[in-house]
Amino acid sequence: MKSIVSAAAAVLVLAGCAGMNESECLMADWQMIGFEDGSVGRSQSNIGEYRKACADHGVTPSLAQYQQGYAEGIRSYCTRSNGFDQGKRGVSYRGICPHDMEADFVEAYGLGRNYYVLSSAVSSLNSKISRSKTRIKSLEQSIAHNVLVVAKDETSGEDRIGLMLKIKNQHSEIRDLKEKIPLYEDELVHKQAEYASLEQPVFY
């Protein structure tokens, strides 16, 4: 039993690996590889990569067996619940589902995609706020340092003018950042409320 499980595990690893060696090509269960590719949403065109890899070893994959396995695997992938999960994770849909399952899959995918879009927006706004606050702190520290340098007797007149211009620009940047932060925060509250209002669908 242990050897059977190990062999099955090896086949699953093979399915995700285009660079197959001679032994893998000779021992390949093309129906199982097709099933694995379909069940995780890989493109059926993967058979072309297997064909290239195994051609060097004089082995031709069985297209019929691969397609048979793929047809079974893709149906386990194209469920409504998985469509929702793929959309929520931000995985791109490449139009691979069978016609009779695609409408339900795409509908659920769209619901999941709403979660992904809003979650990404919340994350982006949090990052903008954090970066802005960090930048303000850095600018304030730089201004404090530059003011001290300007006040030193050994600072030349030309350097003093350059530093004063730099300080002016830094104050201007701080004002701009402080104006943007409340806008980011307001939008963040809005996006968080939108995310909280989304309903987790139940799939049967």
Protein backbone atom coordinates (compact mmCIF):
# COMPACT_ATOMS: atom_id res chain seq x y z
CA MET A 1 0.00 0.00 0.00
CA LYS A 2 2.83 2.36 0.89
CA SER A 3 4.45 1.91 -2.54
CA ILE A 4 1.14 2.64 -4.27
CA VAL A 5 0.69 5.87 -2.30
CA SER A 6 4.27 6.89 -3.06
CA ALA A 7 3.79 6.22 -6.74
CA ALA A 8 0.60 8.27 -6.79
CA ALA A 9 2.37 11.14 -5.05
CA ALA A 10 5.17 10.97 -7.60
CA VAL A 11 2.66 11.20 -10.42
CA LEU A 12 1.16 14.34 -8.89
CA VAL A 13 4.59 15.92 -8.72
CA LEU A 14 5.18 14.96 -12.35
CA ALA A 15 2.03 16.74 -13.42
CA GLY A 16 3.40 20.07 -12.37
CA CYS A 17 6.81 19.52 -13.89
CA ALA A 18 7.44 20.08 -17.59
CA GLY A 19 11.08 18.92 -17.35
CA MET A 20 10.45 15.17 -17.17
CA ASN A 21 13.39 12.75 -17.26
CA GLU A 22 13.48 9.45 -19.20
CA SER A 23 12.24 7.35 -16.29
CA GLU A 24 9.34 9.71 -15.62
CA CYS A 25 8.35 9.72 -19.27
CA LEU A 26 8.47 5.92 -19.51
CA MET A 27 6.52 5.38 -16.28
CA ALA A 28 4.04 8.23 -16.71
CA ASP A 29 0.33 7.58 -16.22
CA TRP A 30 -0.96 10.12 -18.73
CA GLN A 31 -4.54 9.80 -17.60
CA MET A 32 -3.54 10.60 -14.02
CA ILE A 33 -1.35 13.48 -15.15
CA GLY A 34 -4.24 14.87 -17.18
CA PHE A 35 -6.53 14.52 -14.19
CA GLU A 36 -4.10 16.38 -11.95
CA ASP A 37 -3.65 19.19 -14.45
CA GLY A 38 -7.40 19.59 -14.77
CA SER A 39 -8.10 19.36 -11.04
CA VAL A 40 -5.79 22.29 -10.26
CA GLY A 41 -6.88 24.41 -13.22
CA ARG A 42 -3.83 24.09 -15.42
CA SER A 43 -4.21 24.57 -19.15
CA GLN A 44 -4.74 21.47 -21.27
CA SER A 45 -1.96 22.81 -23.49
CA ASN A 46 0.48 21.47 -20.86
CA ILE A 47 0.47 18.24 -22.87
CA GLY A 48 2.60 20.11 -25.41
CA GLU A 49 5.28 20.70 -22.77
CA TYR A 50 5.23 17.04 -21.76
CA ARG A 51 5.52 16.06 -25.41
CA LYS A 52 8.61 18.26 -25.84
CA ALA A 53 10.23 16.95 -22.66
CA CYS A 54 9.61 13.29 -23.49
CA ALA A 55 10.55 13.57 -27.17
CA ASP A 56 14.21 13.61 -26.13
CA HIS A 57 13.68 10.17 -24.62
CA GLY A 58 11.76 8.71 -27.55
CA VAL A 59 8.46 8.74 -25.65
CA THR A 60 5.20 10.17 -26.99
CA PRO A 61 2.54 11.03 -24.39
CA SER A 62 -0.88 9.49 -24.93
CA LEU A 63 -3.05 12.43 -25.89
CA ALA A 64 -6.24 10.37 -25.58
CA GLN A 65 -5.42 9.24 -22.05
CA TYR A 66 -4.33 12.71 -21.02
CA GLN A 67 -7.51 14.30 -22.38
CA GLN A 68 -9.66 11.68 -20.69
CA GLY A 69 -8.03 12.39 -17.34
CA TYR A 70 -8.14 16.12 -17.92
CA ALA A 71 -11.85 16.05 -18.71
CA GLU A 72 -12.48 14.38 -15.34
CA GLY A 73 -10.09 16.62 -13.40
CA ILE A 74 -11.38 19.89 -14.80
CA ARG A 75 -14.88 19.09 -13.56
CA SER A 76 -13.57 18.84 -10.02
CA TYR A 77 -11.95 22.24 -10.48
CA CYS A 78 -14.88 24.07 -12.09
CA THR A 79 -17.25 23.94 -9.12
CA ARG A 80 -19.02 27.00 -7.74
CA SER A 81 -17.19 26.77 -4.41
CA ASN A 82 -13.80 26.58 -6.11
CA GLY A 83 -14.74 29.41 -8.46
CA PHE A 84 -15.42 31.58 -5.42
CA ASP A 85 -12.14 30.51 -3.81
CA GLN A 86 -10.12 31.24 -6.97
CA GLY A 87 -11.68 34.67 -7.32
CA LYS A 88 -11.10 35.49 -3.65
CA ARG A 89 -7.43 34.56 -4.01
CA GLY A 90 -7.05 36.76 -7.09
CA VAL A 91 -6.24 33.86 -9.41
CA SER A 92 -6.87 34.66 -13.07
CA TYR A 93 -9.53 32.62 -14.86
CA ARG A 94 -8.41 31.46 -18.30
CA GLY A 95 -11.72 30.21 -19.68
CA ILE A 96 -10.93 26.54 -19.18
CA CYS A 97 -14.20 25.27 -17.71
CA PRO A 98 -16.59 23.05 -19.68
CA HIS A 99 -19.51 24.91 -21.21
CA ASP A 100 -22.09 23.32 -18.90
CA MET A 101 -20.18 24.42 -15.78
CA GLU A 102 -18.72 27.74 -16.85
CA ALA A 103 -21.66 30.03 -16.06
CA ASP A 104 -21.91 28.88 -12.43
CA PHE A 105 -18.13 28.92 -12.02
CA VAL A 106 -17.79 32.45 -13.43
CA GLU A 107 -20.67 33.76 -11.31
CA ALA A 108 -19.08 32.41 -8.13
CA TYR A 109 -15.66 33.58 -9.31
CA GLY A 110 -17.05 37.11 -9.63
CA LEU A 111 -18.35 37.02 -6.05
CA GLY A 112 -14.95 35.92 -4.81
CA ARG A 113 -13.25 38.53 -6.95
CA ASN A 114 -15.19 41.24 -5.10
CA TYR A 115 -13.52 40.10 -1.88
CA TYR A 116 -10.12 40.15 -3.54
CA VAL A 117 -10.55 43.63 -5.04
CA LEU A 118 -11.75 45.18 -1.79
CA SER A 119 -9.15 43.36 0.28
CA SER A 120 -6.42 44.60 -2.07
CA ALA A 121 -7.78 48.14 -1.86
CA VAL A 122 -7.76 48.04 1.95
CA SER A 123 -4.21 46.71 1.96
CA SER A 124 -3.07 49.37 -0.52
CA LEU A 125 -4.63 52.21 1.48
CA ASN A 126 -3.08 50.96 4.72
CA SER A 127 0.29 50.89 2.97
CA LYS A 128 -0.17 54.43 1.61
CA ILE A 129 -1.04 55.74 5.07
CA SER A 130 1.89 53.95 6.66
CA ARG A 131 4.35 55.11 3.98
CA SER A 132 3.09 58.68 4.21
CA LYS A 133 3.51 58.79 7.98
CA THR A 134 6.98 57.27 7.73
CA ARG A 135 7.93 59.80 5.06
CA ILE A 136 6.70 62.70 7.20
CA LYS A 137 8.79 61.51 10.13
CA SER A 138 11.85 61.17 7.89
CA LEU A 139 11.31 64.67 6.45
CA GLU A 140 10.89 66.19 9.90
CA GLN A 141 14.15 64.63 11.04
CA SER A 142 15.90 65.89 7.91
CA ILE A 143 14.52 69.39 8.44
CA ALA A 144 15.74 69.43 12.03
CA HIS A 145 19.20 68.38 10.88
CA ASN A 146 19.29 70.91 8.05
CA VAL A 147 18.23 73.74 10.36
CA LEU A 148 21.17 72.95 12.62
CA VAL A 149 23.55 72.94 9.66
CA VAL A 150 22.19 76.27 8.43
CA ALA A 151 22.84 77.77 11.88
CA LYS A 152 26.50 76.71 11.96
CA ASP A 153 29.05 79.46 11.40
CA GLU A 154 31.15 77.28 9.13
CA THR A 155 28.27 76.75 6.69
CA SER A 156 28.93 78.80 3.57
CA GLY A 157 26.40 81.26 2.26
CA GLU A 158 25.86 79.20 -0.87
CA ASP A 159 25.27 76.01 1.13
CA ARG A 160 22.98 77.90 3.49
CA ILE A 161 20.81 79.07 0.59
CA GLY A 162 20.67 75.56 -0.84
CA LEU A 163 19.68 74.09 2.51
CA MET A 164 16.99 76.71 3.11
CA LEU A 165 15.48 75.92 -0.30
CA LYS A 166 15.59 72.22 0.55
CA ILE A 167 13.88 72.87 3.90
CA LYS A 168 11.17 74.86 2.11
CA ASN A 169 10.54 71.99 -0.31
CA GLN A 170 10.48 69.48 2.55
CA HIS A 171 7.87 71.53 4.41
CA SER A 172 5.82 71.67 1.21
CA GLU A 173 6.01 67.89 0.84
CA ILE A 174 4.95 67.41 4.45
CA ARG A 175 1.90 69.63 3.89
CA ASP A 176 0.94 67.63 0.81
CA LEU A 177 1.27 64.34 2.68
CA LYS A 178 -0.74 65.61 5.64
CA GLU A 179 -3.51 66.67 3.27
CA LYS A 180 -3.59 63.24 1.61
CA ILE A 181 -3.59 61.11 4.76
CA PRO A 182 -7.16 62.06 5.83
CA LEU A 183 -8.35 61.30 2.28
CA TYR A 184 -6.71 57.90 2.42
CA GLU A 185 -8.22 57.27 5.86
CA ASP A 186 -11.73 58.24 4.71
CA GLU A 187 -11.44 55.95 1.69
CA LEU A 188 -10.11 53.18 3.92
CA VAL A 189 -13.15 53.38 6.18
CA HIS A 190 -15.39 53.22 3.10
CA LYS A 191 -13.60 50.19 1.65
CA GLN A 192 -13.56 48.40 5.00
CA ALA A 193 -17.31 48.94 5.30
CA GLU A 194 -17.84 47.59 1.78
CA TYR A 195 -15.76 44.53 2.59
CA ALA A 196 -17.65 43.91 5.84
CA SER A 197 -20.97 44.11 3.97
CA LEU A 198 -20.07 41.31 1.57
CA GLU A 199 -21.97 38.13 2.24
CA GLN A 200 -20.17 34.80 2.31
CA PRO A 201 -22.09 32.65 -0.18
CA VAL A 202 -23.11 29.12 0.67
CA PHE A 203 -22.56 26.50 -2.02
CA TYR A 204 -24.31 23.16 -2.15
